[in-house]
């Protein structure tokens, strides 16, 4: 049996998600609920195999390999694994300048 992890959301990731869903809901409340469901499901799935994600390319270029991501197009769920906990740290729309957002949050 695989090790199980606890998935915890950082407050900034919760804020990211709320802002994204609120924005989508302005045009389509139904679509917003579908997107919310997909994101929550993908993040919840990390409790069994968190290493399924890839290392965040923009951070890897900076020599930082502790952050991973899973994609729910066009959104990126950024997380870090520590012991038996997966910390969801950000939910970012990949159409934005992701590199600047990540470097500002995780390096500076």
C-alpha atoms as a PDB file:
ATOM      1  CA  UNK A   1       0.000   0.000   0.000  1.00  0.00           C
ATOM      2  CA  UNK A   2       1.295   3.473  -0.887  1.00  0.00           C
ATOM      3  CA  UNK A   3       2.083   6.082   1.677  1.00  0.00           C
ATOM      4  CA  UNK A   4      -0.713   8.591   2.129  1.00  0.00           C
ATOM      5  CA  UNK A   5      -0.101  12.299   2.472  1.00  0.00           C
ATOM      6  CA  UNK A   6      -2.127  15.074   4.013  1.00  0.00           C
ATOM      7  CA  UNK A   7      -2.937  17.900   1.565  1.00  0.00           C
ATOM      8  CA  UNK A   8      -2.957  21.393   3.072  1.00  0.00           C
ATOM      9  CA  UNK A   9      -3.734  24.662   1.279  1.00  0.00           C
ATOM     10  CA  UNK A  10      -1.702  27.786   2.068  1.00  0.00           C
ATOM     11  CA  UNK A  11      -3.780  30.918   2.517  1.00  0.00           C
ATOM     12  CA  UNK A  12      -2.231  32.519  -0.583  1.00  0.00           C
ATOM     13  CA  UNK A  13      -3.276  29.479  -2.653  1.00  0.00           C
ATOM     14  CA  UNK A  14      -6.807  29.739  -1.286  1.00  0.00           C
ATOM     15  CA  UNK A  15      -6.830  33.427  -2.240  1.00  0.00           C
ATOM     16  CA  UNK A  16      -5.503  32.592  -5.722  1.00  0.00           C
ATOM     17  CA  UNK A  17      -8.256  30.030  -6.204  1.00  0.00           C
ATOM     18  CA  UNK A  18     -10.993  32.365  -4.967  1.00  0.00           C
ATOM     19  CA  UNK A  19      -9.865  35.150  -7.308  1.00  0.00           C
ATOM     20  CA  UNK A  20      -9.725  32.803 -10.294  1.00  0.00           C
ATOM     21  CA  UNK A  21     -13.146  31.300  -9.601  1.00  0.00           C
ATOM     22  CA  UNK A  22     -14.700  34.733  -8.954  1.00  0.00           C
ATOM     23  CA  UNK A  23     -13.308  35.966 -12.285  1.00  0.00           C
ATOM     24  CA  UNK A  24     -14.648  32.959 -14.212  1.00  0.00           C
ATOM     25  CA  UNK A  25     -18.018  33.268 -12.450  1.00  0.00           C
ATOM     26  CA  UNK A  26     -18.497  36.774 -13.835  1.00  0.00           C
ATOM     27  CA  UNK A  27     -19.103  35.223 -17.255  1.00  0.00           C
ATOM     28  CA  UNK A  28     -20.203  31.719 -16.367  1.00  0.00           C
ATOM     29  CA  UNK A  29     -21.084  30.598 -12.837  1.00  0.00           C
ATOM     30  CA  UNK A  30     -21.554  27.027 -14.058  1.00  0.00           C
ATOM     31  CA  UNK A  31     -18.124  26.929 -15.635  1.00  0.00           C
ATOM     32  CA  UNK A  32     -16.624  28.401 -12.462  1.00  0.00           C
ATOM     33  CA  UNK A  33     -18.056  25.509 -10.439  1.00  0.00           C
ATOM     34  CA  UNK A  34     -16.661  22.973 -12.914  1.00  0.00           C
ATOM     35  CA  UNK A  35     -13.198  24.540 -12.782  1.00  0.00           C
ATOM     36  CA  UNK A  36     -13.327  24.640  -8.979  1.00  0.00           C
ATOM     37  CA  UNK A  37     -14.258  20.965  -8.884  1.00  0.00           C
ATOM     38  CA  UNK A  38     -11.424  19.983 -11.238  1.00  0.00           C
ATOM     39  CA  UNK A  39      -8.841  21.935  -9.248  1.00  0.00           C
ATOM     40  CA  UNK A  40      -9.996  20.580  -5.909  1.00  0.00           C
ATOM     41  CA  UNK A  41     -10.020  17.015  -7.275  1.00  0.00           C
ATOM     42  CA  UNK A  42      -6.510  17.277  -8.765  1.00  0.00           C
ATOM     43  CA  UNK A  43      -5.166  18.724  -5.513  1.00  0.00           C
ATOM     44  CA  UNK A  44      -6.923  16.051  -3.447  1.00  0.00           C
ATOM     45  CA  UNK A  45      -5.425  13.339  -5.650  1.00  0.00           C
ATOM     46  CA  UNK A  46      -1.987  14.394  -4.402  1.00  0.00           C
ATOM     47  CA  UNK A  47      -2.637  12.528  -1.147  1.00  0.00           C
ATOM     48  CA  UNK A  48      -1.529   9.259  -2.750  1.00  0.00           C
ATOM     49  CA  UNK A  49       1.116  10.108  -5.366  1.00  0.00           C
ATOM     50  CA  UNK A  50       2.369  13.664  -4.926  1.00  0.00           C
ATOM     51  CA  UNK A  51       5.498  13.003  -6.979  1.00  0.00           C
ATOM     52  CA  UNK A  52       3.364  12.709 -10.120  1.00  0.00           C
ATOM     53  CA  UNK A  53       3.826  16.419 -10.754  1.00  0.00           C
ATOM     54  CA  UNK A  54       6.790  17.947 -12.517  1.00  0.00           C
ATOM     55  CA  UNK A  55       9.334  20.335 -11.051  1.00  0.00           C
ATOM     56  CA  UNK A  56       8.259  23.903 -11.844  1.00  0.00           C
ATOM     57  CA  UNK A  57      10.364  24.778 -14.934  1.00  0.00           C
ATOM     58  CA  UNK A  58      10.760  28.492 -14.141  1.00  0.00           C
ATOM     59  CA  UNK A  59      12.141  27.671 -10.698  1.00  0.00           C
ATOM     60  CA  UNK A  60      14.236  24.749 -11.914  1.00  0.00           C
ATOM     61  CA  UNK A  61      16.076  27.213 -14.162  1.00  0.00           C
ATOM     62  CA  UNK A  62      17.006  29.079 -10.962  1.00  0.00           C
ATOM     63  CA  UNK A  63      18.297  25.862  -9.345  1.00  0.00           C
ATOM     64  CA  UNK A  64      15.203  25.435  -7.159  1.00  0.00           C
ATOM     65  CA  UNK A  65      13.885  21.882  -7.309  1.00  0.00           C
ATOM     66  CA  UNK A  66      11.613  21.590  -4.267  1.00  0.00           C
ATOM     67  CA  UNK A  67       8.439  22.912  -5.913  1.00  0.00           C
ATOM     68  CA  UNK A  68       6.277  20.782  -8.166  1.00  0.00           C
ATOM     69  CA  UNK A  69       3.169  21.438 -10.198  1.00  0.00           C
ATOM     70  CA  UNK A  70       0.212  19.734 -11.743  1.00  0.00           C
ATOM     71  CA  UNK A  71      -1.679  21.277 -14.607  1.00  0.00           C
ATOM     72  CA  UNK A  72      -5.412  21.866 -14.905  1.00  0.00           C
ATOM     73  CA  UNK A  73      -5.330  23.810 -18.185  1.00  0.00           C
ATOM     74  CA  UNK A  74      -4.781  26.737 -18.205  1.00  0.00           C
ATOM     75  CA  UNK A  75      -4.107  26.672 -14.453  1.00  0.00           C
ATOM     76  CA  UNK A  76      -1.031  25.465 -12.615  1.00  0.00           C
ATOM     77  CA  UNK A  77      -1.241  24.114  -9.063  1.00  0.00           C
ATOM     78  CA  UNK A  78       2.136  24.664  -7.363  1.00  0.00           C
ATOM     79  CA  UNK A  79       2.981  22.573  -4.303  1.00  0.00           C
ATOM     80  CA  UNK A  80       5.773  21.322  -2.071  1.00  0.00           C
ATOM     81  CA  UNK A  81       6.095  17.965  -0.336  1.00  0.00           C
ATOM     82  CA  UNK A  82       7.378  17.894   3.231  1.00  0.00           C
ATOM     83  CA  UNK A  83       7.433  14.601   5.125  1.00  0.00           C
ATOM     84  CA  UNK A  84       3.855  13.328   4.908  1.00  0.00           C
ATOM     85  CA  UNK A  85       2.255  16.647   3.944  1.00  0.00           C
ATOM     86  CA  UNK A  86       1.661  18.224   0.551  1.00  0.00           C
ATOM     87  CA  UNK A  87       1.421  21.999   0.800  1.00  0.00           C
ATOM     88  CA  UNK A  88      -0.540  23.608  -2.049  1.00  0.00           C
ATOM     89  CA  UNK A  89       1.180  26.983  -2.350  1.00  0.00           C
ATOM     90  CA  UNK A  90      -0.278  28.707  -5.417  1.00  0.00           C
ATOM     91  CA  UNK A  91      -2.834  28.377  -8.172  1.00  0.00           C
ATOM     92  CA  UNK A  92      -1.718  30.442 -11.147  1.00  0.00           C
ATOM     93  CA  UNK A  93      -3.189  31.067 -14.571  1.00  0.00           C
ATOM     94  CA  UNK A  94      -0.439  30.057 -17.000  1.00  0.00           C
ATOM     95  CA  UNK A  95      -1.436  32.886 -19.353  1.00  0.00           C
ATOM     96  CA  UNK A  96       0.004  35.351 -16.830  1.00  0.00           C
ATOM     97  CA  UNK A  97       3.712  36.052 -16.323  1.00  0.00           C
ATOM     98  CA  UNK A  98       4.207  32.976 -14.185  1.00  0.00           C
ATOM     99  CA  UNK A  99       7.949  33.385 -13.750  1.00  0.00           C
ATOM    100  CA  UNK A 100       7.639  36.808 -12.095  1.00  0.00           C
ATOM    101  CA  UNK A 101       4.848  35.599  -9.793  1.00  0.00           C
ATOM    102  CA  UNK A 102       6.797  32.528  -8.699  1.00  0.00           C
ATOM    103  CA  UNK A 103      10.097  34.300  -8.211  1.00  0.00           C
ATOM    104  CA  UNK A 104       8.381  36.993  -6.162  1.00  0.00           C
ATOM    105  CA  UNK A 105       6.604  34.453  -3.938  1.00  0.00           C
ATOM    106  CA  UNK A 106       9.286  31.824  -3.500  1.00  0.00           C
ATOM    107  CA  UNK A 107      12.633  33.586  -3.806  1.00  0.00           C
ATOM    108  CA  UNK A 108      12.459  37.244  -2.802  1.00  0.00           C
END
